[in-house]
C-alpha atoms as a PDB file:
ATOM      1  CA  MET A   1     -15.748  19.583 -20.168  1.00  0.00           C
ATOM      2  CA  HIS A   2     -16.168  15.808 -19.702  1.00  0.00           C
ATOM      3  CA  LYS A   3     -18.498  14.825 -16.784  1.00  0.00           C
ATOM      4  CA  LYS A   4     -18.125  11.782 -15.054  1.00  0.00           C
ATOM      5  CA  LEU A   5     -20.310  10.476 -12.293  1.00  0.00           C
ATOM      6  CA  ARG A   6     -18.565   7.574 -10.143  1.00  0.00           C
ATOM      7  CA  VAL A   7     -21.002   5.565  -7.443  1.00  0.00           C
ATOM      8  CA  ALA A   8     -18.795   3.925  -4.740  1.00  0.00           C
ATOM      9  CA  ALA A   9     -20.095   2.380  -1.465  1.00  0.00           C
ATOM     10  CA  TYR A  10     -17.856   2.092   1.780  1.00  0.00           C
ATOM     11  CA  ALA A  11     -18.157   0.625   5.483  1.00  0.00           C
ATOM     12  CA  VAL A  12     -18.249   2.184   8.770  1.00  0.00           C
ATOM     13  CA  CYS A  13     -16.900  -1.052  10.820  1.00  0.00           C
ATOM     14  CA  VAL A  14     -16.928  -0.243  14.547  1.00  0.00           C
ATOM     15  CA  ARG A  15     -15.569  -2.922  17.019  1.00  0.00           C
ATOM     16  CA  ASP A  16     -14.346  -2.797  20.745  1.00  0.00           C
ATOM     17  CA  GLY A  17     -14.107   0.771  20.347  1.00  0.00           C
ATOM     18  CA  LYS A  18     -11.964   0.905  16.908  1.00  0.00           C
ATOM     19  CA  LEU A  19     -12.545   1.693  13.387  1.00  0.00           C
ATOM     20  CA  LEU A  20     -11.245  -0.084  10.071  1.00  0.00           C
ATOM     21  CA  LEU A  21      -9.470   1.956   7.932  1.00  0.00           C
ATOM     22  CA  ALA A  22      -7.627   1.163   4.864  1.00  0.00           C
ATOM     23  CA  ARG A  23      -4.603   3.504   3.803  1.00  0.00           C
ATOM     24  CA  GLY A  24      -4.305   4.709   0.119  1.00  0.00           C
ATOM     25  CA  ARG A  25      -2.708   7.339  -1.180  1.00  0.00           C
ATOM     26  CA  GLY A  26      -4.140  11.149  -1.998  1.00  0.00           C
ATOM     27  CA  ARG A  27      -3.359  12.476  -5.409  1.00  0.00           C
ATOM     28  CA  ASP A  28      -0.130  14.163  -4.352  1.00  0.00           C
ATOM     29  CA  GLY A  29       0.915  10.687  -3.080  1.00  0.00           C
ATOM     30  CA  THR A  30       0.812  11.417   0.670  1.00  0.00           C
ATOM     31  CA  ALA A  31      -0.444   8.512   2.679  1.00  0.00           C
ATOM     32  CA  GLU A  32      -4.082   9.103   4.075  1.00  0.00           C
ATOM     33  CA  TRP A  33      -6.440   6.813   5.716  1.00  0.00           C
ATOM     34  CA  THR A  34     -10.166   6.027   4.243  1.00  0.00           C
ATOM     35  CA  LEU A  35     -12.915   4.095   4.836  1.00  0.00           C
ATOM     36  CA  PRO A  36     -12.567   0.635   3.090  1.00  0.00           C
ATOM     37  CA  GLY A  37     -14.747   0.650  -0.162  1.00  0.00           C
ATOM     38  CA  GLY A  38     -14.826   1.867  -3.402  1.00  0.00           C
ATOM     39  CA  GLY A  39     -16.237   2.141  -6.631  1.00  0.00           C
ATOM     40  CA  THR A  40     -19.022  -0.087  -8.245  1.00  0.00           C
ATOM     41  CA  GLU A  41     -18.548  -2.140 -11.775  1.00  0.00           C
ATOM     42  CA  HIS A  42     -20.943  -1.900 -14.394  1.00  0.00           C
ATOM     43  CA  GLY A  43     -24.253  -3.670 -13.590  1.00  0.00           C
ATOM     44  CA  GLU A  44     -22.988  -3.904  -9.632  1.00  0.00           C
ATOM     45  CA  ASP A  45     -25.392  -3.609  -6.656  1.00  0.00           C
ATOM     46  CA  PRO A  46     -23.619  -1.323  -4.271  1.00  0.00           C
ATOM     47  CA  TYR A  47     -24.377  -3.667  -1.435  1.00  0.00           C
ATOM     48  CA  ASP A  48     -22.248  -5.960  -3.601  1.00  0.00           C
ATOM     49  CA  THR A  49     -19.593  -3.531  -4.091  1.00  0.00           C
ATOM     50  CA  VAL A  50     -19.391  -2.965  -0.173  1.00  0.00           C
ATOM     51  CA  LEU A  51     -18.710  -6.519   0.294  1.00  0.00           C
ATOM     52  CA  ARG A  52     -16.351  -6.765  -2.262  1.00  0.00           C
ATOM     53  CA  GLU A  53     -14.120  -3.996  -1.614  1.00  0.00           C
ATOM     54  CA  VAL A  54     -14.030  -4.350   2.063  1.00  0.00           C
ATOM     55  CA  GLU A  55     -12.886  -7.718   1.623  1.00  0.00           C
ATOM     56  CA  GLU A  56     -10.489  -6.690  -1.327  1.00  0.00           C
ATOM     57  CA  GLU A  57      -8.507  -4.228   0.807  1.00  0.00           C
ATOM     58  CA  THR A  58      -8.745  -5.590   4.294  1.00  0.00           C
ATOM     59  CA  GLY A  59      -9.185  -9.288   4.252  1.00  0.00           C
ATOM     60  CA  TYR A  60     -12.286  -9.336   6.310  1.00  0.00           C
ATOM     61  CA  ARG A  61     -15.806 -10.602   5.226  1.00  0.00           C
ATOM     62  CA  ILE A  62     -18.845  -8.135   6.473  1.00  0.00           C
ATOM     63  CA  GLU A  63     -22.474  -8.228   6.819  1.00  0.00           C
ATOM     64  CA  PRO A  64     -23.664  -4.746   6.044  1.00  0.00           C
ATOM     65  CA  THR A  65     -26.232  -4.170   8.832  1.00  0.00           C
ATOM     66  CA  GLY A  66     -27.787  -0.643   7.857  1.00  0.00           C
ATOM     67  CA  LEU A  67     -27.742   1.989   5.171  1.00  0.00           C
ATOM     68  CA  LEU A  68     -26.079   4.952   7.054  1.00  0.00           C
ATOM     69  CA  GLY A  69     -26.458   7.347   4.243  1.00  0.00           C
ATOM     70  CA  VAL A  70     -25.510   8.860   0.988  1.00  0.00           C
ATOM     71  CA  ASP A  71     -22.517  11.612   0.562  1.00  0.00           C
ATOM     72  CA  SER A  72     -22.533  13.683  -3.129  1.00  0.00           C
ATOM     73  CA  VAL A  73     -19.813  14.758  -3.821  1.00  0.00           C
ATOM     74  CA  HIS A  74     -19.558  17.834  -6.964  1.00  0.00           C
ATOM     75  CA  ARG A  75     -15.849  18.850  -7.736  1.00  0.00           C
ATOM     76  CA  ARG A  76     -13.618  19.830 -10.969  1.00  0.00           C
ATOM     77  CA  LEU A  77     -10.830  17.553 -10.774  1.00  0.00           C
ATOM     78  CA  PRO A  78      -7.695  17.460 -13.480  1.00  0.00           C
ATOM     79  CA  ASP A  79      -7.723  14.220 -15.412  1.00  0.00           C
ATOM     80  CA  ARG A  80      -4.178  12.202 -15.980  1.00  0.00           C
ATOM     81  CA  PHE A  81      -3.842  14.589 -19.406  1.00  0.00           C
ATOM     82  CA  GLY A  82      -4.409  17.632 -17.397  1.00  0.00           C
ATOM     83  CA  ARG A  83      -7.907  18.378 -18.538  1.00  0.00           C
ATOM     84  CA  THR A  84     -10.627  19.339 -16.260  1.00  0.00           C
ATOM     85  CA  VAL A  85     -13.337  16.927 -15.293  1.00  0.00           C
ATOM     86  CA  ASP A  86     -16.751  17.769 -14.084  1.00  0.00           C
ATOM     87  CA  HIS A  87     -16.790  14.950 -11.282  1.00  0.00           C
ATOM     88  CA  HIS A  88     -19.833  13.964  -9.144  1.00  0.00           C
ATOM     89  CA  GLY A  89     -19.269  11.098  -6.477  1.00  0.00           C
ATOM     90  CA  LEU A  90     -21.954   9.192  -5.190  1.00  0.00           C
ATOM     91  CA  ARG A  91     -20.764   7.421  -1.882  1.00  0.00           C
ATOM     92  CA  LEU A  92     -23.304   5.017  -0.186  1.00  0.00           C
ATOM     93  CA  VAL A  93     -22.004   4.401   3.052  1.00  0.00           C
ATOM     94  CA  TYR A  94     -22.765   1.258   5.268  1.00  0.00           C
ATOM     95  CA  GLU A  95     -22.634   0.103   8.847  1.00  0.00           C
ATOM     96  CA  GLY A  96     -20.649  -3.376   8.619  1.00  0.00           C
ATOM     97  CA  ARG A  97     -19.985  -5.921  10.880  1.00  0.00           C
ATOM     98  CA  VAL A  98     -16.993  -8.430  10.853  1.00  0.00           C
ATOM     99  CA  THR A  99     -18.431 -11.954  10.260  1.00  0.00           C
ATOM    100  CA  GLY A 100     -15.144 -13.730   9.046  1.00  0.00           C
ATOM    101  CA  GLY A 101     -12.200 -13.454   7.237  1.00  0.00           C
ATOM    102  CA  ALA A 102      -8.663 -12.505   8.770  1.00  0.00           C
ATOM    103  CA  LEU A 103      -7.276  -8.465   8.747  1.00  0.00           C
ATOM    104  CA  ARG A 104      -4.663  -8.369   5.955  1.00  0.00           C
ATOM    105  CA  ASN A 105      -3.253  -5.563   3.537  1.00  0.00           C
ATOM    106  CA  GLU A 106      -4.766  -5.521   0.397  1.00  0.00           C
ATOM    107  CA  VAL A 107      -1.413  -6.379  -2.648  1.00  0.00           C
ATOM    108  CA  GLY A 108      -1.801  -4.580  -6.056  1.00  0.00           C
ATOM    109  CA  GLY A 109      -4.761  -2.499  -5.484  1.00  0.00           C
ATOM    110  CA  SER A 110      -5.804   1.121  -4.439  1.00  0.00           C
ATOM    111  CA  THR A 111      -4.531   0.604  -0.556  1.00  0.00           C
ATOM    112  CA  ASP A 112      -1.162  -0.477   0.984  1.00  0.00           C
ATOM    113  CA  LEU A 113      -2.080  -1.333   4.662  1.00  0.00           C
ATOM    114  CA  ALA A 114      -5.537  -2.028   6.603  1.00  0.00           C
ATOM    115  CA  ALA A 115      -5.545  -1.492  10.470  1.00  0.00           C
ATOM    116  CA  TRP A 116      -8.232  -0.802  13.464  1.00  0.00           C
ATOM    117  CA  GLN A 117      -7.599   2.589  14.925  1.00  0.00           C
ATOM    118  CA  HIS A 118      -8.709   3.772  18.441  1.00  0.00           C
ATOM    119  CA  LEU A 119     -12.144   6.219  17.629  1.00  0.00           C
ATOM    120  CA  ALA A 120     -10.733   8.426  19.749  1.00  0.00           C
ATOM    121  CA  ALA A 121      -7.415   8.700  17.662  1.00  0.00           C
ATOM    122  CA  VAL A 122      -8.833   9.196  14.556  1.00  0.00           C
ATOM    123  CA  PRO A 123      -8.982  12.899  14.647  1.00  0.00           C
ATOM    124  CA  GLU A 124      -5.349  12.872  14.465  1.00  0.00           C
ATOM    125  CA  LEU A 125      -4.633  10.796  11.600  1.00  0.00           C
ATOM    126  CA  LYS A 126      -4.027  11.818   8.111  1.00  0.00           C
ATOM    127  CA  ARG A 127      -7.228  11.085   6.477  1.00  0.00           C
ATOM    128  CA  VAL A 128      -9.896  11.792   3.722  1.00  0.00           C
ATOM    129  CA  GLY A 129     -12.920  13.502   4.404  1.00  0.00           C
ATOM    130  CA  LEU A 130     -15.253  10.659   3.970  1.00  0.00           C
ATOM    131  CA  VAL A 131     -13.802   9.126   7.339  1.00  0.00           C
ATOM    132  CA  ASP A 132     -14.891  12.011   8.934  1.00  0.00           C
ATOM    133  CA  ILE A 133     -18.418  11.965   7.375  1.00  0.00           C
ATOM    134  CA  GLY A 134     -18.921   8.288   7.857  1.00  0.00           C
ATOM    135  CA  LEU A 135     -18.349   8.412  11.156  1.00  0.00           C
ATOM    136  CA  ALA A 136     -20.831  11.475  11.900  1.00  0.00           C
ATOM    137  CA  LEU A 137     -23.621   9.350   9.903  1.00  0.00           C
ATOM    138  CA  TRP A 138     -22.793   6.333  12.245  1.00  0.00           C
ATOM    139  CA  ARG A 139     -22.887   8.539  15.201  1.00  0.00           C
ATOM    140  CA  GLU A 140     -26.140  10.893  14.094  1.00  0.00           C
ATOM    141  CA  ARG A 141     -27.882   8.028  12.183  1.00  0.00           C
ATOM    142  CA  PRO A 142     -29.937  10.931  10.557  1.00  0.00           C
ATOM    143  CA  ALA A 143     -33.133   9.985   9.241  1.00  0.00           C
ATOM    144  CA  THR A 144     -32.243  11.928   5.825  1.00  0.00           C
ATOM    145  CA  GLY A 145     -29.323   9.521   5.662  1.00  0.00           C
ATOM    146  CA  ARG A 146     -27.144  13.381   5.161  1.00  0.00           C
ATOM    147  CA  SER A 147     -24.328  14.050   7.617  1.00  0.00           C
ATOM    148  CA  SER A 148     -24.703  17.178   9.608  1.00  0.00           C
ATOM    149  CA  ILE A 149     -21.090  17.763   8.893  1.00  0.00           C
ATOM    150  CA  ILE A 150     -21.780  18.336   4.803  1.00  0.00           C
ATOM    151  CA  GLY A 151     -21.269  21.880   4.166  1.00  0.00           C
ATOM    152  CA  ARG A 152     -18.772  22.499   6.558  1.00  0.00           C
ATOM    153  CA  HIS A 153     -16.038  19.936   5.248  1.00  0.00           C
ATOM    154  CA  PRO A 154     -13.740  21.471   2.532  1.00  0.00           C
ATOM    155  CA  ARG A 155     -14.844  18.756  -0.098  1.00  0.00           C
ATOM    156  CA  HIS A 156     -18.292  19.690   0.254  1.00  0.00           C
ATOM    157  CA  PRO A 157     -18.038  23.764  -0.012  1.00  0.00           C
ATOM    158  CA  GLY A 158     -21.751  25.452   0.353  1.00  0.00           C
ATOM    159  CA  LYS A 159     -23.726  21.837  -0.060  1.00  0.00           C
END
């Protein structure tokens, strides 16, 4: 079985009671909200990744103000040829503060819409599990960098 490690960096940007999110498509094509961010390029520092990805997906320049934690996801997924891949994702979650730019949608990328969503409305959104993990890390600020919801989230069974 092919093994794949993917390292990615994401930002939790909260301003005036709203969370900055980007909308992408799930494996089944369903629109779902996620934290802005994405995969590191070979040789790229994750700090630089989060700067680049947030600007690409939202139009904003940010300052990462802290590393909230690291989320580790291990699962088996089908690849585009129908084979199974042993996928391990390491997702670094930063807190970010908007310092410039203007809100806009990504063109030709992995997301199609960027928006500020009220924190109280987030539970009602169709979203990926990383949104809940990022918010838990932001609220709890655990010294270990590990969210309390890991192990209770469907994408993190038994971890």
